[in-house]
Amino acid sequence: MYNKMILGIAAMFMAGSAQAGDVAAGEKLFQQRCRACHMIQADDGTAIQKGGRTGPNLYGVIGRVAGSEEGYRYKDSIVEAGQKGLTWDEASLEAYVQDPSGFLKEYLDDSGARSGMTFKLKKGMEDVYAYLASVSE
């Protein structure tokens, strides 16, 4: 019972922190730092953010199993992380974007794990998360 209470409090905290992000600032940061590699395209083909195809489409990334976007060829480590239960929420996405390969090494307990994403976003991830959440609903 104590564990359920702690998990409930943690879930409320996580929901509240997503709301703390600034959607407009996240959109600007996405345009400056993310769209060179990523696009956001709705399931019906509507382009929300035109961008590169080096990285997967980020439409609906919140709540998505890691390494599971259809039509995108992922590195083995991110697919393995998804198979082991990694689903993108605020905490996991923020940690991943700050150090993609480091995150996978720790998550998979594998010093050889590698990410296809070499870029690291050190600041503003809560805003980018709020923006991604706002365009994925």
Protein backbone atom coordinates (compact mmCIF):
# COMPACT_ATOMS: atom_id res chain seq x y z
CA MET A 1 0.00 0.00 0.00
CA TYR A 2 2.83 2.37 0.85
CA ASN A 3 4.43 1.70 -2.58
CA LYS A 4 1.14 2.48 -4.35
CA MET A 5 0.88 5.75 -2.47
CA ILE A 6 4.45 6.71 -3.44
CA LEU A 7 3.76 5.78 -7.09
CA GLY A 8 0.60 7.90 -7.04
CA ILE A 9 2.44 10.90 -5.66
CA ALA A 10 5.20 10.42 -8.24
CA ALA A 11 2.62 10.27 -11.05
CA MET A 12 1.00 13.50 -9.86
CA PHE A 13 4.42 15.14 -9.69
CA MET A 14 5.27 14.01 -13.22
CA ALA A 15 1.94 15.28 -14.57
CA GLY A 16 2.47 18.60 -12.86
CA SER A 17 5.99 18.99 -14.17
CA ALA A 18 4.85 18.51 -17.77
CA GLN A 19 2.44 21.37 -17.24
CA ALA A 20 5.35 23.46 -15.93
CA GLY A 21 6.98 23.39 -19.37
CA ASP A 22 6.42 26.32 -21.71
CA VAL A 23 4.87 25.08 -24.98
CA ALA A 24 5.86 28.19 -26.97
CA ALA A 25 9.45 28.01 -25.72
CA GLY A 26 9.48 24.29 -26.53
CA GLU A 27 8.30 24.93 -30.08
CA LYS A 28 11.03 27.52 -30.59
CA LEU A 29 13.67 25.19 -29.16
CA PHE A 30 12.40 22.33 -31.34
CA GLN A 31 12.71 24.54 -34.41
CA GLN A 32 16.23 25.61 -33.44
CA ARG A 33 17.67 22.32 -32.22
CA CYS A 34 15.51 19.32 -33.15
CA ARG A 35 13.98 19.73 -36.58
CA ALA A 36 17.27 19.34 -38.41
CA CYS A 37 16.83 15.61 -37.69
CA HIS A 38 13.17 15.20 -36.66
CA MET A 39 9.82 16.09 -38.12
CA ILE A 40 6.40 16.05 -36.53
CA GLN A 41 3.85 14.67 -38.94
CA ALA A 42 0.36 13.61 -37.87
CA ASP A 43 -0.98 10.18 -38.76
CA ASP A 44 -3.07 11.71 -41.55
CA GLY A 45 0.07 13.16 -43.17
CA THR A 46 -0.39 16.72 -41.92
CA ALA A 47 3.00 18.33 -41.32
CA ILE A 48 3.06 19.99 -37.91
CA GLN A 49 6.81 20.63 -38.10
CA LYS A 50 8.69 20.00 -41.32
CA GLY A 51 12.09 18.64 -40.57
CA GLY A 52 14.73 16.07 -41.27
CA ARG A 53 14.31 12.35 -41.57
CA THR A 54 17.56 11.42 -39.87
CA GLY A 55 15.58 10.80 -36.67
CA PRO A 56 12.11 9.32 -36.27
CA ASN A 57 8.87 11.28 -36.56
CA LEU A 58 8.10 12.65 -33.10
CA TYR A 59 4.34 12.83 -33.52
CA GLY A 60 2.87 10.74 -30.70
CA VAL A 61 6.27 10.07 -29.12
CA ILE A 62 4.89 10.67 -25.62
CA GLY A 63 3.73 7.27 -24.39
CA ARG A 64 5.34 5.43 -27.33
CA VAL A 65 7.49 2.37 -26.76
CA ALA A 66 11.09 3.27 -27.55
CA GLY A 67 12.31 2.13 -30.94
CA SER A 68 8.86 1.37 -32.30
CA GLU A 69 7.99 4.10 -34.84
CA GLU A 70 6.95 2.24 -37.98
CA GLY A 71 9.05 2.92 -41.03
CA TYR A 72 12.09 4.13 -39.09
CA ARG A 73 15.26 2.06 -38.84
CA TYR A 74 16.59 2.24 -35.28
CA LYS A 75 19.88 1.12 -33.80
CA ASP A 76 19.69 -2.21 -31.97
CA SER A 77 20.14 -0.72 -28.49
CA ILE A 78 17.05 1.52 -28.62
CA VAL A 79 14.94 -1.36 -29.96
CA GLU A 80 16.20 -3.57 -27.14
CA ALA A 81 15.34 -0.87 -24.59
CA GLY A 82 11.80 -0.75 -25.96
CA GLN A 83 11.53 -4.53 -25.79
CA LYS A 84 12.60 -4.29 -22.14
CA GLY A 85 9.80 -1.84 -21.38
CA LEU A 86 11.13 1.64 -22.10
CA THR A 87 8.22 3.93 -22.90
CA TRP A 88 8.77 7.65 -23.47
CA ASP A 89 7.47 9.73 -20.61
CA GLU A 90 8.83 13.01 -19.31
CA ALA A 91 11.52 11.51 -17.09
CA SER A 92 12.83 9.00 -19.62
CA LEU A 93 12.75 11.41 -22.57
CA GLU A 94 14.52 14.14 -20.60
CA ALA A 95 17.25 11.76 -19.43
CA TYR A 96 17.68 10.25 -22.90
CA VAL A 97 17.98 13.58 -24.73
CA GLN A 98 20.62 14.84 -22.28
CA ASP A 99 22.91 11.87 -23.05
CA PRO A 100 21.39 9.30 -25.43
CA SER A 101 24.12 6.64 -25.37
CA GLY A 102 24.81 7.14 -21.67
CA PHE A 103 21.11 6.68 -20.93
CA LEU A 104 20.96 3.45 -22.95
CA LYS A 105 24.13 2.09 -21.34
CA GLU A 106 22.57 2.59 -17.92
CA TYR A 107 19.06 1.43 -18.87
CA LEU A 108 20.31 -1.75 -20.54
CA ASP A 109 23.25 -2.26 -18.15
CA ASP A 110 25.38 -2.63 -21.26
CA SER A 111 28.57 -0.61 -21.70
CA GLY A 112 28.41 -1.27 -25.44
CA ALA A 113 24.93 0.22 -25.94
CA ARG A 114 24.79 2.98 -28.53
CA SER A 115 22.18 5.41 -29.70
CA GLY A 116 21.78 6.70 -33.22
CA MET A 117 21.24 10.15 -31.71
CA THR A 118 24.51 11.96 -31.11
CA PHE A 119 22.99 15.36 -30.24
CA LYS A 120 22.59 16.23 -26.55
CA LEU A 121 20.06 18.79 -25.30
CA LYS A 122 21.21 19.98 -21.89
CA LYS A 123 18.63 22.74 -21.21
CA GLY A 124 14.98 23.31 -21.98
CA MET A 125 13.87 19.70 -22.25
CA GLU A 126 10.81 20.35 -20.05
CA ASP A 127 9.68 22.91 -22.64
CA VAL A 128 10.32 20.57 -25.58
CA TYR A 129 8.41 17.85 -23.73
CA ALA A 130 5.45 20.21 -23.17
CA TYR A 131 5.52 21.09 -26.87
CA LEU A 132 5.68 17.45 -28.00
CA ALA A 133 2.82 16.61 -25.65
CA SER A 134 0.76 19.50 -27.05
CA VAL A 135 1.12 18.39 -30.68
CA SER A 136 0.60 14.71 -30.04
CA GLU A 137 -2.89 14.80 -28.57
